[in-house]
Structure formats: structure tokens, C-alpha cells
Amino acid sequence: MKRENLILLADAYKYAHHKFYYPGTTNIYSYLESRGGMFNETVFFGLQYILKEYLQGPAFNQVDLDEADEFLKQVFGRDDVFDCSKFQYILNKYNGHLPVRIKAVAEGTSVPTGNVLMTIENTDPECYWLTNFLETLLMQVWYPCTVATLSHEVKKVVTQYYEETATPEAFGGICFVLNDFGFRGVSSVESAKLGGAAHLLSFAGSDNLAGSGMAIKYYHAQKVHGLSIPATEHSICTLLGQEGELEVFKHVLRSFPTGVIACVSDSFNIFRACSEYWGEDLKEEILKRDGTLVIRPDSGDPVMTLLEIFKILFDKFGFTTNAKGYKVLPPQVRVIQGDGVNYTEIGVIYKALKENGISAENLVLGMGGALLQKVDRDTQKFALKCSSAVIDGKEVAVEKSPTEMDAHGNITPSFKKSKGGRLKLVKTAEGYKTIGEDEQSELTDQLQTVFENGHIVKEFTFEQVIDTLQNQSTT
């Protein structure tokens, strides 16, 4: 399959910048950071995909250049904006290999916001314009980073409630608590790949096959990391109408007499389904199964619905009280909440369970649009800015320091203030910190060269990325 035309993968205004850069400019050095946002740390992930898919090897050819030349003349209605000789130079001298160097923190690293995550600079003085031309494409790393961060932060919340309400024997189930239901809700298959793989850094539960495929293809994953179970949908459970729902439930149980299965149970009346069908008619069959039935409500207020469902299930199936004093259903029965689930609601749900004496281990979650689609570049406030340049042979620090007016008419510094100079990310006893490249030489730069002159020089396996994130979480 032919690649996208790299020459056309930039914001239109970028094509005039080769003229706008001050005469004598030979080097542009820029950095990526997450400036703040919803969470205090950002997990770095997904750059390797972008490098492999778009930038490595000959990134474009003569056909691409000719196509872009004609296309951009129409875009601007003039022929003095896009200068095809700039790309022709790269094609002739480097056979389309991009003369840039990209350094980045190891994928899977969770870095406090406000720190450098990646740098890029041109390696050929004739290609000073190329560094920030690539901003549009490289900036899209915000998406897998943000999903990886969101999933990682959910895992922190889940772990907290497991530590408070569940016994250590149940902790192995944490990796299956949050399940990716988001494939159908994203804007593209590429989003499903990137977001799906990002989720798998923290959890193993997923119906998003594209994420596992991406991890194998672009990160040399040694196995399929996204795992799932047989589960119904409403088209199955409503086939025989309301009067036939019990018959469908029987068929579902007998279709998979062993193992874990999930059944959506709110097609008509979730409380009747739990109390009469599951809790009475099929109770003995469920308790004799070598496996677990996961009952799924899919409508209503999550907290109120779940509390009533657990009340019914405890009454019908009984419960044990664990060493921490919280109720646990028999292992043959669990509940999954897949409707109305987002980061905030997850904390509310588990808090309500705790307050009602219910262990977190009774419940797993499905998250779709809120996991993969209800995020944007400002969720973690990503930006890529120039911080250093060489003009007439002299290196200069480059930064912006805008001001803004608050609601009371006061002029204050903006959070969009950028960093100046060449940078490095170091790890101290207090954590990660961004300093000047020449400062504190005794501290190792955590930014590693991953791409240089068209070649990927440092790769990460998916298992390495997971280990980086998990090991950091436990230290």
C-alpha cells in the first residue's frame, strides 16, 4: 500500500516558512512538551508508530513532489509560496531520507507535565525549514500519549480501591478491570490502533483488535496483549422479545458452559433479570458452572443502578465478607458497567461501592468514547515550540513569553510561556526535570536519539514499554 504523500502532511501555512525564517538561519531546534492539563503526569507513547509509518526510509519520491507542486499551486493560487526545490534538494542529496535528528524519552515513561518529552532539529543547514515543517505530523503523538495517560490514571484509581476494599488475592484481576470498548466510537481505524495500543500499556481487557495488531506490527509485541471474552449484545438478547428473554439467557449460558461470559441484561428490566432470571430460574446452573457470568447493565444512572443490582445479587446468590470487611459475590457472578463510564465517574462508582460495603473486585468496567475519543490535544496541553536556532553561525535561545488578561482586567503571564535554549531531561532524587543541555553534566540526558537522517536508530518493544511504565509506577 502506498504511503501518504509526506509533502502534503503539514498545515498549509507551513509552506511559506522557508521564506519567513530570518536570512542566515541554518538550524532550528524544537521541543515537545505537555504543558499541564487534566493530569499532573503524561505517559509518552506512540512516536515509534509515527516514525515507522511516515518518516523512516525515503519519506517521499519524485511522484510525490510533482503531485505536491501542482496541488499547492492551487491551494495558494500563486507559484511563489511552495518551493519544490527545497524538497528536490532532499530527494537529490539524500534520496528522500529526512535530514533531521529526533531525541525522545523512552516510550512508556510517565513524566511530570512541563518537561521536555522530545526534541527535533535539522542535520543539514540547508534544511532549517524542515524541523517545524514536521510539527503537524509529529504533534499527533499527543493522541496515544493522552490515551496512555488516561488509562494509566484510571488504573491508579482502580488500584486505590482494590487496596482499600479487596484482598491481595484479587489484585491479579486489576489488569482486566478497564476494557476498551472504543473501536466503533473513534474517528478512524488509525485512532483505534493508536488509542487501543496505548490502553494496553495499563490494562489487558480490550475488544479493540486494532490496538493489539498495532503493538505487534510497530512494536514487535511477542503476543496479543488485548484479551476478551464471549459476550452478547442487544440484538441477541431481544430476538425473542420480552417474553423470550429468559429463554435467550438459558441459551447464552449453555452456548459456553465453561469459562467467563458476559450478558447484557437491561433489554427490558435489568432488576427483574437479576432477581428472577439470573437469581432464581438460572441460579443453580450459574453456581454449578466452571466459570463466571458477568452481568451487564447498559442504561440508567450508573451508581444507583449498580447499587440496586448488587443488593439483588447479594440477596439471591449470597456473599462472603473478605478480610477487609467488604462483600464479595460468589466467583461465578460478577458485574460489568459499560455505560456512562469516564475517568470522573469511575472514582464516583468505586467510592459508592466502598461506602456501601462492596469490594471493588465485584465490578469491571467498559469504556468506549470517553477512553479513545473524548480527549484532545488540550487534555494534556501539548505543544511543540522552537527553543534554539543558529543564525549567521551564532546559536541563539528562542522563546516566547506571552501575557494574557484575566477576568478582572489584570495582565498576567500565560501558561503558554515556552522554554529557551537546547534542552535535556534529567532524573534527580525529586524526579524528572528539564534543564539546559550543558547544565549539570554529571546527570544523564533521558532523551535518546531515536531517529536520524531517515533511519530509526532506537526501537522499543511493546513489552519494554509496558515494563517501563509499570516499573516506574511501583518505584
Protein backbone atom coordinates (compact mmCIF):
# COMPACT_ATOMS: atom_id res chain seq x y z
CA MET A 1 0.00 0.00 0.00
CA LYS A 2 1.37 3.43 -0.98
CA ARG A 3 2.25 5.78 1.83
CA GLU A 4 0.56 9.12 2.28
CA ASN A 5 2.38 11.91 0.46
CA LEU A 6 4.55 13.31 3.26
CA ILE A 7 5.00 16.60 1.48
CA LEU A 8 1.28 17.27 1.89
CA LEU A 9 1.09 16.28 5.57
CA ALA A 10 1.50 19.75 7.03
CA ASP A 11 -0.66 22.76 7.80
CA ALA A 12 -0.87 24.98 4.72
CA TYR A 13 0.73 27.97 6.40
CA LYS A 14 3.96 25.99 6.88
CA TYR A 15 4.84 26.12 3.18
CA ALA A 16 5.79 29.79 3.29
CA HIS A 17 8.13 29.48 6.28
CA HIS A 18 11.26 28.80 4.27
CA LYS A 19 10.97 32.46 3.22
CA PHE A 20 9.94 33.82 6.61
CA TYR A 21 12.87 32.45 8.60
CA TYR A 22 15.41 35.23 9.02
CA PRO A 23 18.23 35.24 6.46
CA GLY A 24 21.26 33.35 7.72
CA THR A 25 19.23 30.74 9.65
CA THR A 26 20.84 27.31 9.39
CA ASN A 27 19.46 25.37 12.36
CA ILE A 28 16.07 25.14 14.04
CA TYR A 29 15.78 23.09 17.25
CA SER A 30 12.33 22.47 18.70
CA TYR A 31 10.92 20.50 21.61
CA LEU A 32 7.66 18.81 22.56
CA GLU A 33 6.09 19.13 25.98
CA SER A 34 2.83 18.52 27.78
CA ARG A 35 2.31 21.90 29.45
CA GLY A 36 -0.29 20.80 32.02
CA GLY A 37 -3.84 19.61 31.75
CA MET A 38 -6.12 17.05 33.32
CA PHE A 39 -3.32 15.04 34.92
CA ASN A 40 -0.02 16.04 36.52
CA GLU A 41 1.99 13.48 34.55
CA THR A 42 1.97 12.39 30.93
CA VAL A 43 2.86 8.93 29.62
CA PHE A 44 4.98 9.16 26.45
CA PHE A 45 3.92 6.65 23.79
CA GLY A 46 3.29 6.37 20.06
CA LEU A 47 6.24 8.16 18.45
CA GLN A 48 7.66 4.91 17.07
CA TYR A 49 4.46 4.36 15.11
CA ILE A 50 4.69 7.81 13.51
CA LEU A 51 8.37 7.35 12.65
CA LYS A 52 7.77 3.95 11.03
CA GLU A 53 4.57 4.83 9.26
CA TYR A 54 5.54 8.23 7.87
CA LEU A 55 9.17 9.27 8.30
CA GLN A 56 11.64 6.38 8.02
CA GLY A 57 13.44 5.49 4.81
CA PRO A 58 12.79 7.52 1.69
CA ALA A 59 9.88 9.55 3.05
CA PHE A 60 8.83 10.76 -0.42
CA ASN A 61 9.74 10.36 -4.09
CA GLN A 62 9.60 12.36 -7.29
CA VAL A 63 5.99 11.42 -7.97
CA ASP A 64 5.05 12.78 -4.54
CA LEU A 65 6.93 16.01 -5.18
CA ASP A 66 5.35 16.57 -8.59
CA GLU A 67 1.90 15.90 -7.13
CA ALA A 68 2.52 18.31 -4.25
CA ASP A 69 3.81 21.04 -6.56
CA GLU A 70 0.64 21.05 -8.63
CA PHE A 71 -1.62 20.67 -5.61
CA LEU A 72 -0.08 23.53 -3.63
CA LYS A 73 -0.14 25.93 -6.56
CA GLN A 74 -3.92 25.50 -6.48
CA VAL A 75 -4.05 25.84 -2.69
CA PHE A 76 -2.32 29.23 -2.70
CA GLY A 77 -3.36 30.48 -6.14
CA ARG A 78 0.24 31.51 -6.78
CA ASP A 79 3.53 29.77 -7.51
CA ASP A 80 5.89 31.66 -5.17
CA VAL A 81 4.83 30.02 -1.88
CA PHE A 82 5.74 26.37 -2.20
CA ASP A 83 9.34 25.98 -3.33
CA CYS A 84 9.72 22.46 -4.70
CA SER A 85 13.50 22.95 -4.90
CA LYS A 86 13.65 22.59 -1.10
CA PHE A 87 12.32 19.05 -1.31
CA GLN A 88 14.17 18.37 -4.55
CA TYR A 89 17.39 19.05 -2.65
CA ILE A 90 16.49 16.34 -0.10
CA LEU A 91 15.49 13.96 -2.87
CA ASN A 92 18.69 14.51 -4.87
CA LYS A 93 21.13 14.53 -1.95
CA TYR A 94 19.51 12.07 0.45
CA ASN A 95 17.18 10.04 -1.79
CA GLY A 96 14.24 11.34 0.21
CA HIS A 97 15.69 10.48 3.63
CA LEU A 98 14.88 13.32 6.00
CA PRO A 99 17.94 15.14 7.42
CA VAL A 100 16.63 15.55 10.95
CA ARG A 101 17.54 14.20 14.37
CA ILE A 102 14.81 13.31 16.86
CA LYS A 103 15.51 12.55 20.51
CA ALA A 104 12.84 11.36 22.93
CA VAL A 105 12.31 9.96 26.38
CA ALA A 106 11.87 6.18 26.47
CA GLU A 107 8.35 5.20 25.46
CA GLY A 108 6.27 4.24 28.48
CA THR A 109 7.89 6.86 30.69
CA SER A 110 5.49 8.94 32.78
CA VAL A 111 6.89 12.45 33.03
CA PRO A 112 5.54 15.35 35.10
CA THR A 113 3.92 17.98 32.89
CA GLY A 114 6.01 20.99 31.94
CA ASN A 115 9.00 18.90 30.87
CA VAL A 116 10.58 18.19 27.50
CA LEU A 117 9.47 14.87 26.02
CA MET A 118 11.06 15.06 22.57
CA THR A 119 13.37 17.31 20.53
CA ILE A 120 13.88 17.65 16.80
CA GLU A 121 16.46 19.55 14.74
CA ASN A 122 17.74 19.58 11.17
CA THR A 123 21.11 17.99 10.46
CA ASP A 124 21.69 19.79 7.16
CA PRO A 125 21.96 23.62 7.32
CA GLU A 126 20.06 23.90 4.03
CA CYS A 127 17.06 22.24 5.68
CA TYR A 128 16.48 24.62 8.60
CA TRP A 129 12.84 24.91 7.46
CA LEU A 130 12.25 21.14 7.79
CA THR A 131 12.26 20.95 11.61
CA ASN A 132 8.99 22.74 12.18
CA PHE A 133 7.52 21.68 8.86
CA LEU A 134 7.23 18.26 10.54
CA GLU A 135 5.40 19.72 13.55
CA THR A 136 1.93 18.96 12.18
CA LEU A 137 2.65 15.25 11.85
CA LEU A 138 4.81 14.80 14.95
CA MET A 139 2.33 16.67 17.10
CA GLN A 140 -0.15 13.85 16.55
CA VAL A 141 1.78 11.88 19.16
CA TRP A 142 -0.44 13.79 21.61
CA TYR A 143 -3.20 11.25 20.95
CA PRO A 144 -1.55 7.96 22.00
CA CYS A 145 0.22 9.82 24.83
CA THR A 146 -3.08 11.15 26.14
CA VAL A 147 -4.93 7.82 25.93
CA ALA A 148 -1.99 6.06 27.59
CA THR A 149 -2.06 8.69 30.33
CA LEU A 150 -5.83 8.41 30.84
CA SER A 151 -5.74 4.63 31.05
CA HIS A 152 -2.77 4.77 33.44
CA GLU A 153 -4.58 7.23 35.69
CA VAL A 154 -7.71 5.05 35.74
CA LYS A 155 -5.53 2.16 36.85
CA LYS A 156 -4.31 4.27 39.78
CA VAL A 157 -7.91 4.87 40.86
CA VAL A 158 -8.85 1.21 40.50
CA THR A 159 -5.73 0.11 42.38
CA GLN A 160 -6.53 2.51 45.20
CA TYR A 161 -9.98 0.99 45.71
CA TYR A 162 -8.64 -2.55 45.43
CA GLU A 163 -6.10 -1.72 48.13
CA GLU A 164 -8.87 -0.34 50.34
CA THR A 165 -11.58 -2.96 49.78
CA ALA A 166 -10.10 -6.11 48.22
CA THR A 167 -7.66 -8.70 49.50
CA PRO A 168 -4.29 -9.30 47.78
CA GLU A 169 -5.56 -12.49 46.14
CA ALA A 170 -7.86 -10.37 43.98
CA PHE A 171 -5.18 -7.94 42.77
CA GLY A 172 -4.36 -10.07 39.73
CA GLY A 173 -7.73 -9.08 38.31
CA ILE A 174 -6.89 -5.39 38.17
CA CYS A 175 -5.45 -5.68 34.66
CA PHE A 176 -8.91 -6.76 33.41
CA VAL A 177 -10.95 -4.07 35.18
CA LEU A 178 -10.98 -1.46 32.39
CA ASN A 179 -11.92 -2.84 28.97
CA ASP A 180 -11.52 -0.91 25.72
CA PHE A 181 -14.92 -0.71 24.01
CA GLY A 182 -13.90 2.23 21.84
CA PHE A 183 -13.21 0.95 18.31
CA ARG A 184 -16.66 1.89 16.96
CA GLY A 185 -16.56 5.31 18.55
CA VAL A 186 -13.30 6.68 17.18
CA SER A 187 -12.89 8.79 14.08
CA SER A 188 -10.63 6.39 12.19
CA VAL A 189 -9.03 2.95 12.16
CA GLU A 190 -5.70 4.67 12.85
CA SER A 191 -7.13 6.17 16.03
CA ALA A 192 -8.35 2.71 17.06
CA LYS A 193 -4.84 1.34 16.53
CA LEU A 194 -3.02 4.07 18.43
CA GLY A 195 -5.52 4.50 21.23
CA GLY A 196 -6.09 0.78 21.56
CA ALA A 197 -2.38 0.06 21.94
CA ALA A 198 -1.98 2.94 24.38
CA HIS A 199 -4.69 1.45 26.62
CA LEU A 200 -2.90 -1.92 26.62
CA LEU A 201 0.07 -0.41 28.44
CA SER A 202 -2.04 -0.47 31.61
CA PHE A 203 -4.85 -2.99 31.06
CA ALA A 204 -5.27 -6.28 29.21
CA GLY A 205 -9.03 -6.15 28.66
CA SER A 206 -9.97 -4.99 25.16
CA ASP A 207 -12.45 -5.59 22.36
CA ASN A 208 -10.31 -3.36 20.13
CA LEU A 209 -8.33 -5.80 17.99
CA ALA A 210 -6.63 -2.96 16.12
CA GLY A 211 -4.67 -1.99 19.23
CA SER A 212 -3.14 -5.42 19.64
CA GLY A 213 -2.35 -5.58 15.93
CA MET A 214 -0.58 -2.24 16.07
CA ALA A 215 1.52 -3.36 19.04
CA ILE A 216 2.67 -6.42 17.08
CA LYS A 217 3.36 -4.64 13.80
CA TYR A 218 5.03 -1.48 15.05
CA TYR A 219 6.40 -2.50 18.47
CA HIS A 220 7.33 -6.16 17.90
CA ALA A 221 4.93 -7.35 20.62
CA GLN A 222 5.61 -11.00 21.36
CA LYS A 223 1.94 -11.85 21.83
CA VAL A 224 -1.57 -10.48 21.54
CA HIS A 225 -1.96 -8.18 24.55
CA GLY A 226 -5.65 -7.32 24.28
CA LEU A 227 -7.80 -10.13 25.65
CA SER A 228 -11.56 -10.56 25.53
CA ILE A 229 -14.41 -12.97 26.33
CA PRO A 230 -17.63 -14.17 24.65
CA ALA A 231 -20.26 -11.50 25.21
CA THR A 232 -23.77 -10.74 23.95
CA GLU A 233 -25.36 -7.59 22.58
CA HIS A 234 -28.95 -6.41 22.48
CA SER A 235 -29.58 -7.89 19.01
CA ILE A 236 -29.10 -11.31 20.63
CA CYS A 237 -30.96 -10.72 23.87
CA THR A 238 -34.03 -9.14 22.28
CA LEU A 239 -34.57 -11.70 19.49
CA LEU A 240 -37.45 -13.44 21.26
CA GLY A 241 -38.96 -10.29 22.72
CA GLN A 242 -39.58 -9.56 26.38
CA GLU A 243 -41.40 -12.82 26.97
CA GLY A 244 -38.50 -14.79 25.49
CA GLU A 245 -35.64 -13.10 27.37
CA LEU A 246 -35.27 -15.93 29.88
CA GLU A 247 -35.03 -18.45 27.06
CA VAL A 248 -32.27 -16.40 25.45
CA PHE A 249 -30.41 -16.25 28.77
CA LYS A 250 -30.60 -20.05 29.04
CA HIS A 251 -29.20 -20.37 25.52
CA VAL A 252 -26.39 -17.95 26.33
CA LEU A 253 -25.35 -19.94 29.40
CA ARG A 254 -25.43 -23.22 27.51
CA SER A 255 -23.56 -21.89 24.48
CA PHE A 256 -20.45 -21.60 26.65
CA PRO A 257 -20.87 -23.96 29.61
CA THR A 258 -17.41 -23.11 30.92
CA GLY A 259 -15.29 -20.00 31.20
CA VAL A 260 -16.13 -16.33 31.51
CA ILE A 261 -19.07 -14.96 29.52
CA ALA A 262 -20.86 -11.59 29.64
CA CYS A 263 -24.54 -10.99 29.00
CA VAL A 264 -26.22 -7.62 28.56
CA SER A 265 -29.29 -7.80 30.78
CA ASP A 266 -31.08 -4.44 30.60
CA SER A 267 -33.01 -5.03 27.37
CA PHE A 268 -36.31 -4.77 29.25
CA ASN A 269 -35.87 -4.72 33.03
CA ILE A 270 -32.40 -5.17 34.49
CA PHE A 271 -33.72 -5.62 38.03
CA ARG A 272 -36.14 -8.38 37.02
CA ALA A 273 -33.38 -10.03 35.01
CA CYS A 274 -31.11 -10.08 38.07
CA SER A 275 -33.71 -11.06 40.65
CA GLU A 276 -35.86 -13.55 38.72
CA TYR A 277 -33.98 -14.87 35.68
CA TRP A 278 -30.37 -14.94 36.87
CA GLY A 279 -31.13 -15.01 40.61
CA GLU A 280 -33.85 -17.68 40.61
CA ASP A 281 -34.53 -19.53 37.36
CA LEU A 282 -30.87 -19.92 36.39
CA LYS A 283 -29.24 -19.60 39.80
CA GLU A 284 -28.26 -23.24 40.29
CA GLU A 285 -26.96 -23.54 36.73
CA ILE A 286 -24.82 -20.44 37.22
CA LEU A 287 -23.40 -21.63 40.54
CA LYS A 288 -22.54 -25.04 39.07
CA ARG A 289 -20.67 -23.52 36.10
CA ASP A 290 -16.91 -23.80 35.87
CA GLY A 291 -16.63 -20.14 35.04
CA THR A 292 -18.10 -16.70 35.64
CA LEU A 293 -21.23 -14.97 34.36
CA VAL A 294 -20.66 -11.24 34.05
CA ILE A 295 -23.97 -9.37 34.12
CA ARG A 296 -24.03 -6.12 32.16
CA PRO A 297 -26.40 -3.22 32.78
CA ASP A 298 -26.25 -0.75 29.90
CA SER A 299 -28.56 2.11 30.87
CA GLY A 300 -29.64 4.26 33.78
CA ASP A 301 -27.67 6.12 36.40
CA PRO A 302 -24.53 4.02 36.91
CA VAL A 303 -24.25 4.42 40.68
CA MET A 304 -27.92 3.94 41.56
CA THR A 305 -28.31 1.09 39.08
CA LEU A 306 -25.21 -0.74 40.31
CA LEU A 307 -26.09 -0.40 43.97
CA GLU A 308 -29.54 -1.89 43.36
CA ILE A 309 -28.10 -4.69 41.22
CA PHE A 310 -25.56 -5.62 43.88
CA LYS A 311 -28.30 -5.55 46.54
CA ILE A 312 -30.31 -8.03 44.47
CA LEU A 313 -27.35 -10.26 43.62
CA PHE A 314 -26.12 -10.42 47.21
CA ASP A 315 -29.62 -11.40 48.28
CA LYS A 316 -30.03 -14.05 45.57
CA PHE A 317 -26.53 -15.52 45.35
CA GLY A 318 -25.19 -14.74 48.81
CA PHE A 319 -21.78 -13.30 49.54
CA THR A 320 -18.67 -13.66 51.64
CA THR A 321 -17.07 -10.91 53.65
CA ASN A 322 -13.37 -10.56 52.89
CA ALA A 323 -10.60 -9.82 55.39
CA LYS A 324 -11.09 -6.10 54.89
CA GLY A 325 -14.79 -6.32 55.76
CA TYR A 326 -16.29 -5.91 52.26
CA LYS A 327 -18.86 -8.09 50.50
CA VAL A 328 -17.79 -10.33 47.63
CA LEU A 329 -20.13 -12.22 45.30
CA PRO A 330 -19.51 -15.93 44.62
CA PRO A 331 -16.81 -16.29 41.94
CA GLN A 332 -19.44 -17.46 39.43
CA VAL A 333 -21.03 -13.97 39.30
CA ARG A 334 -19.64 -10.54 38.54
CA VAL A 335 -20.92 -7.25 37.03
CA ILE A 336 -19.58 -5.05 34.23
CA GLN A 337 -20.56 -1.39 33.82
CA GLY A 338 -20.06 -0.20 30.27
CA ASP A 339 -22.43 2.76 30.01
CA GLY A 340 -21.63 6.30 31.12
CA VAL A 341 -18.10 5.38 32.19
CA ASN A 342 -15.41 8.06 32.25
CA TYR A 343 -12.46 8.94 34.49
CA THR A 344 -14.51 11.00 36.94
CA GLU A 345 -17.43 8.57 37.07
CA ILE A 346 -15.10 5.65 37.79
CA GLY A 347 -14.00 7.29 41.03
CA VAL A 348 -17.62 8.05 41.92
CA ILE A 349 -18.70 4.46 41.25
CA TYR A 350 -15.98 2.81 43.31
CA LYS A 351 -16.43 5.30 46.12
CA ALA A 352 -20.14 4.43 46.26
CA LEU A 353 -19.35 0.72 46.32
CA LYS A 354 -16.92 1.22 49.19
CA GLU A 355 -19.40 3.30 51.16
CA ASN A 356 -21.93 0.50 50.78
CA GLY A 357 -19.56 -2.22 51.93
CA ILE A 358 -18.99 -3.69 48.46
CA SER A 359 -15.50 -4.80 47.40
CA ALA A 360 -14.10 -3.36 44.18
CA GLU A 361 -13.39 -6.86 42.91
CA ASN A 362 -17.10 -7.39 42.16
CA LEU A 363 -17.08 -4.91 39.29
CA VAL A 364 -15.26 -4.46 35.99
CA LEU A 365 -15.71 -1.63 33.50
CA GLY A 366 -16.04 -0.99 29.79
CA MET A 367 -15.06 2.40 28.40
CA GLY A 368 -15.50 3.47 24.79
CA GLY A 369 -15.75 7.03 23.56
CA ALA A 370 -14.56 8.50 26.85
CA LEU A 371 -11.37 6.47 26.58
CA LEU A 372 -10.47 6.89 22.91
CA GLN A 373 -12.48 9.85 21.63
CA LYS A 374 -13.29 12.34 24.38
CA VAL A 375 -9.71 13.57 24.55
CA ASP A 376 -7.98 16.28 22.58
CA ARG A 377 -4.62 18.00 22.35
CA ASP A 378 -5.55 20.27 25.24
CA THR A 379 -6.39 17.42 27.62
CA GLN A 380 -2.68 17.45 28.44
CA LYS A 381 -1.92 20.77 26.69
CA PHE A 382 0.63 19.50 24.16
CA ALA A 383 2.82 21.96 22.27
CA LEU A 384 5.88 21.81 20.02
CA LYS A 385 7.97 25.00 20.08
CA CYS A 386 11.30 26.21 18.77
CA SER A 387 13.75 26.87 21.61
CA SER A 388 17.08 27.29 19.81
CA ALA A 389 18.35 28.42 16.42
CA VAL A 390 21.62 29.13 14.63
CA ILE A 391 21.66 32.40 12.69
CA ASP A 392 24.80 33.52 10.86
CA GLY A 393 26.76 30.88 12.75
CA LYS A 394 25.63 32.06 16.17
CA GLU A 395 23.42 29.95 18.42
CA VAL A 396 20.54 31.87 19.97
CA ALA A 397 17.97 30.88 22.58
CA VAL A 398 14.43 31.23 21.27
CA GLU A 399 11.36 31.50 23.47
CA LYS A 400 8.00 33.18 23.80
CA SER A 401 6.56 34.69 26.94
CA PRO A 402 3.03 35.92 26.21
CA THR A 403 0.76 37.69 28.64
CA GLU A 404 -3.00 37.47 28.96
CA MET A 405 -5.78 39.38 30.64
CA ASP A 406 -7.73 37.70 33.43
CA ALA A 407 -11.43 38.20 34.23
CA HIS A 408 -10.59 41.21 36.39
CA GLY A 409 -8.64 43.01 33.68
CA ASN A 410 -5.21 42.18 35.13
CA ILE A 411 -2.34 41.39 32.76
CA THR A 412 -0.70 38.13 33.83
CA PRO A 413 1.87 35.70 32.36
CA SER A 414 0.38 32.97 30.18
CA PHE A 415 0.88 29.24 30.77
CA LYS A 416 1.99 29.19 27.13
CA LYS A 417 5.41 30.58 28.02
CA SER A 418 7.96 28.38 26.27
CA LYS A 419 11.47 27.20 27.13
CA GLY A 420 14.63 28.66 25.63
CA GLY A 421 17.86 27.01 24.53
CA ARG A 422 18.87 23.42 23.90
CA LEU A 423 17.35 21.11 26.48
CA LYS A 424 17.81 17.85 28.27
CA LEU A 425 15.62 15.83 30.61
CA VAL A 426 17.35 14.58 33.73
CA LYS A 427 16.27 12.39 36.60
CA THR A 428 17.03 13.59 40.12
CA ALA A 429 16.07 12.38 43.57
CA GLU A 430 12.99 14.61 43.26
CA GLY A 431 12.03 13.22 39.86
CA TYR A 432 12.32 14.38 36.25
CA LYS A 433 13.48 17.91 35.49
CA THR A 434 14.20 19.85 32.30
CA ILE A 435 17.48 21.78 32.26
CA GLY A 436 19.82 23.28 29.68
CA GLU A 437 21.78 20.83 27.57
CA ASP A 438 25.09 22.00 29.02
CA GLU A 439 23.95 22.11 32.64
CA GLN A 440 24.80 19.50 35.27
CA SER A 441 26.94 17.32 33.00
CA GLU A 442 27.03 14.63 35.67
CA LEU A 443 23.32 13.91 35.05
CA THR A 444 22.44 11.65 32.13
CA ASP A 445 20.10 13.03 29.49
CA GLN A 446 16.97 10.85 29.47
CA LEU A 447 16.31 11.89 25.87
CA GLN A 448 17.73 9.28 23.49
CA THR A 449 18.27 9.66 19.75
CA VAL A 450 15.54 7.57 18.15
CA PHE A 451 15.64 8.88 14.55
CA GLU A 452 18.45 10.33 12.49
CA ASN A 453 18.68 11.14 8.79
CA GLY A 454 15.83 8.90 7.74
CA HIS A 455 16.70 5.95 9.95
CA ILE A 456 15.19 4.72 13.22
CA VAL A 457 18.20 4.18 15.48
CA LYS A 458 16.42 3.20 18.68
CA GLU A 459 13.38 0.94 18.91
CA PHE A 460 11.25 -0.22 21.82
CA THR A 461 9.33 -3.47 22.03
CA PHE A 462 5.82 -3.31 23.40
CA GLU A 463 6.86 -5.39 26.37
CA GLN A 464 9.68 -2.92 27.10
CA VAL A 465 7.20 -0.04 27.01
CA ILE A 466 4.87 -1.84 29.44
CA ASP A 467 7.77 -2.65 31.76
CA THR A 468 8.95 0.95 31.72
CA LEU A 469 5.54 2.21 32.76
CA GLN A 470 4.85 -0.49 35.32
CA ASN A 471 8.29 -0.36 36.92
CA GLN A 472 8.05 3.39 37.22
CA SER A 473 4.62 3.05 38.84
CA THR A 474 5.99 0.79 41.57
CA THR A 475 9.05 2.86 42.48
